[in-house]
Amino acid sequence: MKTKEIRCSSPAVTYGKVLFEMKVPEEAVSRTRQILAEVPQIAEILQNPTVAMRKKQTVIDKVFPEVMRKFLKTVCAYQRTSLLEEIFASYDRLRDEEADVVHAVLLCTTVPGEEQKKGMEDFLCRKYGAKTAQIEVRKDDTLVGGFILRVGSDEYDRSVKGSMDRLAQKIAGGR
């Protein structure tokens, strides 16, 4: 679930680091996310300040994987449940750093074939010193042709639209 870029606040980064350092299995974190996504009422209960802490703890004990319970109770106790999505994003980043995974978004008019995608993954691994690269492909017909590959703040624009924009800038700058 790496489809959106989330800017983490400091508490979320701290909690994400704690979750990562607890060595909670990825499956338990994933299951917790799934429960919160599929049953939004649970998140509402955990976030609601009028719900007694004892009731929140009971819900956590009944619903979530055992290895996540202590962490979730702490998050509730410090009223940080509204940050859970950011906490999980921080956890993901730390997990990916440890595993040497680089993430990229590919904007394109035509979805690349497996060989092309593999070539881009190899390029990303070499460029960023990663063991693996994960590329999210998004169709964008406004590019006219070609592609834009984004990795963090780096952008590799090989689109027809990008070429036309650069040419227009050169022409306008030459006057």
Protein backbone atom coordinates (compact mmCIF):
# COMPACT_ATOMS: atom_id res chain seq x y z
CA MET A 1 0.00 0.00 0.00
CA LYS A 2 2.50 2.54 -1.19
CA THR A 3 0.22 4.46 -3.43
CA LYS A 4 0.30 7.81 -1.69
CA GLU A 5 3.07 9.94 -0.39
CA ILE A 6 2.48 10.87 3.23
CA ARG A 7 4.35 13.65 4.95
CA CYS A 8 4.91 12.42 8.48
CA SER A 9 4.77 14.60 11.55
CA SER A 10 7.40 14.10 14.21
CA PRO A 11 5.23 12.02 16.60
CA ALA A 12 4.23 9.73 13.73
CA VAL A 13 7.89 9.21 12.79
CA THR A 14 8.72 8.43 16.43
CA TYR A 15 5.88 5.94 16.78
CA GLY A 16 6.74 4.38 13.42
CA LYS A 17 10.31 3.92 14.61
CA VAL A 18 9.11 2.31 17.85
CA LEU A 19 6.86 -0.07 15.90
CA PHE A 20 9.75 -0.96 13.60
CA GLU A 21 12.17 -1.49 16.49
CA MET A 22 9.65 -3.78 18.20
CA LYS A 23 10.28 -6.18 15.30
CA VAL A 24 6.55 -6.69 14.83
CA PRO A 25 6.04 -9.05 11.86
CA GLU A 26 4.98 -7.25 8.71
CA GLU A 27 1.92 -9.53 8.48
CA ALA A 28 0.64 -8.26 11.86
CA VAL A 29 1.04 -4.63 10.81
CA SER A 30 -0.64 -5.39 7.50
CA ARG A 31 -3.53 -7.18 9.25
CA THR A 32 -3.96 -4.21 11.60
CA ARG A 33 -4.14 -1.84 8.64
CA GLN A 34 -6.64 -4.11 6.93
CA ILE A 35 -8.90 -4.20 10.00
CA LEU A 36 -8.82 -0.41 10.34
CA ALA A 37 -9.57 0.04 6.63
CA GLU A 38 -12.38 -2.53 6.49
CA VAL A 39 -14.06 -1.52 9.76
CA PRO A 40 -13.77 2.26 10.09
CA GLN A 41 -15.98 2.15 13.20
CA ILE A 42 -13.04 0.63 15.11
CA ALA A 43 -10.82 3.60 14.25
CA GLU A 44 -13.65 5.91 15.34
CA ILE A 45 -13.89 4.15 18.72
CA LEU A 46 -10.12 4.32 19.23
CA GLN A 47 -10.00 8.02 18.30
CA ASN A 48 -13.06 9.10 20.27
CA PRO A 49 -11.99 10.85 23.50
CA THR A 50 -15.39 10.16 25.10
CA VAL A 51 -14.91 6.38 24.88
CA ALA A 52 -13.37 5.02 28.07
CA MET A 53 -9.81 3.71 27.82
CA ARG A 54 -10.96 0.36 29.29
CA LYS A 55 -13.42 -0.07 26.40
CA LYS A 56 -10.74 0.81 23.84
CA GLN A 57 -8.41 -1.77 25.38
CA THR A 58 -11.15 -4.40 25.23
CA VAL A 59 -11.73 -3.66 21.54
CA ILE A 60 -7.99 -3.87 20.87
CA ASP A 61 -7.72 -7.21 22.71
CA LYS A 62 -10.65 -8.70 20.79
CA VAL A 63 -9.85 -7.44 17.31
CA PHE A 64 -6.14 -6.97 16.65
CA PRO A 65 -3.20 -9.39 16.36
CA GLU A 66 -1.63 -10.06 19.76
CA VAL A 67 1.76 -8.59 18.82
CA MET A 68 0.09 -5.26 17.96
CA ARG A 69 -2.03 -4.86 21.10
CA LYS A 70 0.49 -3.25 23.45
CA PHE A 71 1.54 -0.79 20.76
CA LEU A 72 -2.06 0.16 19.92
CA LYS A 73 -2.93 0.62 23.59
CA THR A 74 0.01 2.98 23.96
CA VAL A 75 -1.06 4.92 20.86
CA CYS A 76 -4.56 5.23 22.36
CA ALA A 77 -3.27 6.22 25.79
CA TYR A 78 -1.31 9.11 24.26
CA GLN A 79 -4.21 10.03 21.93
CA ARG A 80 -2.24 9.45 18.73
CA THR A 81 -4.69 7.16 16.92
CA SER A 82 -5.40 9.87 14.33
CA LEU A 83 -1.76 9.44 13.26
CA LEU A 84 -1.96 5.69 12.59
CA GLU A 85 -1.78 6.04 8.80
CA GLU A 86 1.32 8.25 9.12
CA ILE A 87 2.80 5.91 11.73
CA PHE A 88 2.40 2.98 9.35
CA ALA A 89 3.95 5.03 6.51
CA SER A 90 6.95 5.77 8.74
CA TYR A 91 7.20 2.07 9.62
CA ASP A 92 7.12 1.21 5.89
CA ARG A 93 9.95 3.61 5.10
CA LEU A 94 12.14 2.17 7.84
CA ARG A 95 11.36 -1.39 6.75
CA ASP A 96 12.19 -0.51 3.15
CA GLU A 97 15.44 1.20 4.14
CA GLU A 98 16.51 -1.89 6.04
CA ALA A 99 15.60 -4.12 3.10
CA ASP A 100 17.24 -1.74 0.57
CA VAL A 101 14.03 -1.17 -1.39
CA VAL A 102 13.56 1.92 -3.56
CA HIS A 103 10.07 3.04 -4.60
CA ALA A 104 9.24 4.89 -7.78
CA VAL A 105 6.19 6.15 -9.63
CA LEU A 106 6.12 5.77 -13.40
CA LEU A 107 3.76 8.09 -15.27
CA CYS A 108 3.26 6.90 -18.84
CA THR A 109 0.86 6.84 -21.76
CA THR A 110 1.53 3.18 -22.49
CA VAL A 111 2.19 0.62 -19.76
CA PRO A 112 5.71 -0.76 -20.24
CA GLY A 113 6.34 -4.40 -21.02
CA GLU A 114 8.04 -6.65 -18.47
CA GLU A 115 11.46 -6.21 -20.12
CA GLN A 116 11.18 -2.40 -20.08
CA LYS A 117 9.99 -2.40 -16.48
CA LYS A 118 12.84 -4.73 -15.49
CA GLY A 119 15.30 -2.34 -17.17
CA MET A 120 13.92 0.56 -15.14
CA GLU A 121 14.11 -1.49 -11.94
CA ASP A 122 17.74 -2.37 -12.68
CA PHE A 123 18.52 1.31 -13.34
CA LEU A 124 16.89 2.33 -10.04
CA CYS A 125 18.78 -0.33 -8.08
CA ARG A 126 22.11 0.82 -9.53
CA LYS A 127 21.35 4.53 -9.16
CA TYR A 128 20.06 4.32 -5.57
CA GLY A 129 22.13 1.39 -4.30
CA ALA A 130 19.03 -0.71 -3.61
CA LYS A 131 18.52 -4.45 -3.71
CA THR A 132 15.05 -4.12 -5.18
CA ALA A 133 12.94 -1.51 -6.87
CA GLN A 134 9.18 -1.28 -6.78
CA ILE A 135 7.55 0.78 -9.49
CA GLU A 136 3.97 1.95 -9.31
CA VAL A 137 2.69 2.48 -12.85
CA ARG A 138 0.12 5.23 -13.49
CA LYS A 139 -1.34 6.03 -16.90
CA ASP A 140 -1.17 9.71 -17.83
CA ASP A 141 -2.30 10.57 -21.34
CA THR A 142 -1.38 14.26 -20.87
CA LEU A 143 2.27 13.28 -21.43
CA VAL A 144 1.47 12.68 -25.13
CA GLY A 145 4.16 9.97 -25.23
CA GLY A 146 7.15 8.72 -23.27
CA PHE A 147 7.25 8.67 -19.48
CA ILE A 148 8.19 10.40 -16.23
CA LEU A 149 9.89 8.33 -13.55
CA ARG A 150 9.78 9.78 -10.02
CA VAL A 151 11.84 8.62 -7.07
CA GLY A 152 11.40 10.79 -4.01
CA SER A 153 12.28 14.31 -5.18
CA ASP A 154 14.17 13.05 -8.27
CA GLU A 155 12.37 13.12 -11.60
CA TYR A 156 13.44 11.63 -14.93
CA ASP A 157 11.25 13.26 -17.57
CA ARG A 158 11.41 11.48 -20.91
CA SER A 159 7.93 12.53 -22.02
CA VAL A 160 6.95 14.27 -25.23
CA LYS A 161 5.19 16.95 -23.17
CA GLY A 162 8.35 17.50 -21.10
CA SER A 163 10.46 17.81 -24.25
CA MET A 164 8.03 20.31 -25.75
CA ASP A 165 8.00 22.34 -22.50
CA ARG A 166 11.83 22.42 -22.39
CA LEU A 167 11.98 23.49 -26.04
CA ALA A 168 9.44 26.26 -25.38
CA GLN A 169 11.54 27.48 -22.44
CA LYS A 170 14.68 27.59 -24.60
CA ILE A 171 12.88 29.52 -27.30
CA ALA A 172 11.36 31.96 -24.79
CA GLY A 173 14.73 32.37 -23.03
CA GLY A 174 16.54 33.07 -26.30
CA ARG A 175 14.64 36.28 -27.00
